[in-house]
Amino acid sequence: MAALRQRMIEDMRVRNFSPYAQEMCLDRAAKFAKHLGKSPEVLEPEEIRTWQVYLINNKNACESARALRFLHRITLEKERIPSSPSKGA
């Protein structure tokens, strides 16, 4: 994931992310990959949804969702990720 991490860092720097925001996004992306056991580059939409459900049930979903959205849309250059399930659903 080193090349993907480096690209994400570059993408955040180009967009003038604060050092804190960069660290938060990198941390969330690493936890995402670790939880699912593979690189975000090869994930299917259902696997992303599984992570979102996990976050809503166990963690701070808001920051993690933003980091995941950035990784997916900007760094991986994919158009959409599945909608985040609502906590009440």
Protein backbone atom coordinates (compact mmCIF):
# COMPACT_ATOMS: atom_id res chain seq x y z
CA MET A 1 0.00 0.00 0.00
CA ALA A 2 3.08 2.27 0.04
CA ALA A 3 2.44 3.66 -3.46
CA LEU A 4 -1.24 4.24 -2.71
CA ARG A 5 -0.33 5.93 0.59
CA GLN A 6 2.15 8.21 -1.18
CA ARG A 7 -0.41 9.15 -3.82
CA MET A 8 -2.98 9.92 -1.13
CA ILE A 9 -0.45 12.16 0.68
CA GLU A 10 0.26 14.01 -2.56
CA ASP A 11 -3.47 14.41 -3.27
CA MET A 12 -4.03 15.85 0.20
CA ARG A 13 -1.06 18.23 -0.08
CA VAL A 14 -2.29 19.52 -3.45
CA ARG A 15 -5.61 20.28 -1.75
CA ASN A 16 -3.85 21.99 1.18
CA PHE A 17 -5.04 19.58 3.89
CA SER A 18 -3.70 20.44 7.33
CA PRO A 19 -1.11 18.06 8.82
CA TYR A 20 -3.77 16.87 11.28
CA ALA A 21 -6.29 16.15 8.50
CA GLN A 22 -3.64 14.29 6.50
CA GLU A 23 -2.71 12.13 9.48
CA MET A 24 -6.37 11.42 10.26
CA CYS A 25 -7.13 10.39 6.69
CA LEU A 26 -4.06 8.17 6.45
CA ASP A 27 -4.90 6.53 9.77
CA ARG A 28 -8.50 5.85 8.74
CA ALA A 29 -7.44 4.47 5.35
CA ALA A 30 -4.92 2.15 7.00
CA LYS A 31 -7.53 0.90 9.48
CA PHE A 32 -9.95 0.35 6.60
CA ALA A 33 -7.40 -1.78 4.71
CA LYS A 34 -6.39 -3.69 7.84
CA HIS A 35 -9.98 -4.46 8.83
CA LEU A 36 -10.80 -5.87 5.40
CA GLY A 37 -7.42 -7.52 4.86
CA LYS A 38 -6.68 -6.09 1.42
CA SER A 39 -5.79 -2.96 -0.46
CA PRO A 40 -8.59 -0.43 -1.05
CA GLU A 41 -7.68 -0.61 -4.75
CA VAL A 42 -9.28 -4.06 -5.09
CA LEU A 43 -12.35 -3.70 -2.91
CA GLU A 44 -15.85 -4.28 -4.17
CA PRO A 45 -18.73 -1.91 -3.26
CA GLU A 46 -20.22 -4.44 -0.82
CA GLU A 47 -16.94 -4.60 1.09
CA ILE A 48 -16.95 -0.82 1.42
CA ARG A 49 -20.53 -0.96 2.68
CA THR A 50 -19.50 -3.59 5.26
CA TRP A 51 -16.85 -1.20 6.57
CA GLN A 52 -19.39 1.63 6.78
CA VAL A 53 -21.77 -0.55 8.81
CA TYR A 54 -18.89 -1.53 11.10
CA LEU A 55 -18.01 2.14 11.67
CA ILE A 56 -21.56 3.12 12.47
CA ASN A 57 -21.87 0.31 14.95
CA ASN A 58 -18.46 0.65 16.61
CA LYS A 59 -16.55 3.83 15.78
CA ASN A 60 -16.73 7.48 14.77
CA ALA A 61 -18.33 7.12 11.36
CA CYS A 62 -18.16 10.76 10.27
CA GLU A 63 -14.37 11.24 10.09
CA SER A 64 -13.83 7.77 8.72
CA ALA A 65 -16.47 8.21 6.04
CA ARG A 66 -14.81 11.43 4.87
CA ALA A 67 -11.42 9.74 4.71
CA LEU A 68 -12.87 6.79 2.80
CA ARG A 69 -14.68 9.12 0.38
CA PHE A 70 -11.44 11.04 -0.31
CA LEU A 71 -9.44 7.86 -0.84
CA HIS A 72 -12.05 6.40 -3.16
CA ARG A 73 -12.99 9.47 -5.22
CA ILE A 74 -9.72 11.39 -5.37
CA THR A 75 -6.83 8.97 -4.92
CA LEU A 76 -8.40 5.92 -6.58
CA GLU A 77 -10.30 8.12 -9.07
CA LYS A 78 -13.55 6.17 -8.76
CA GLU A 79 -16.84 7.97 -9.21
CA ARG A 80 -19.01 6.74 -6.37
CA ILE A 81 -19.04 4.65 -3.27
CA PRO A 82 -22.17 3.07 -1.87
CA SER A 83 -24.35 5.32 0.25
CA SER A 84 -23.61 5.20 3.94
CA PRO A 85 -26.33 3.33 5.77
CA SER A 86 -28.11 5.46 8.34
CA LYS A 87 -27.85 4.60 11.99
CA GLY A 88 -31.60 4.27 12.32
CA ALA A 89 -32.03 1.95 9.34
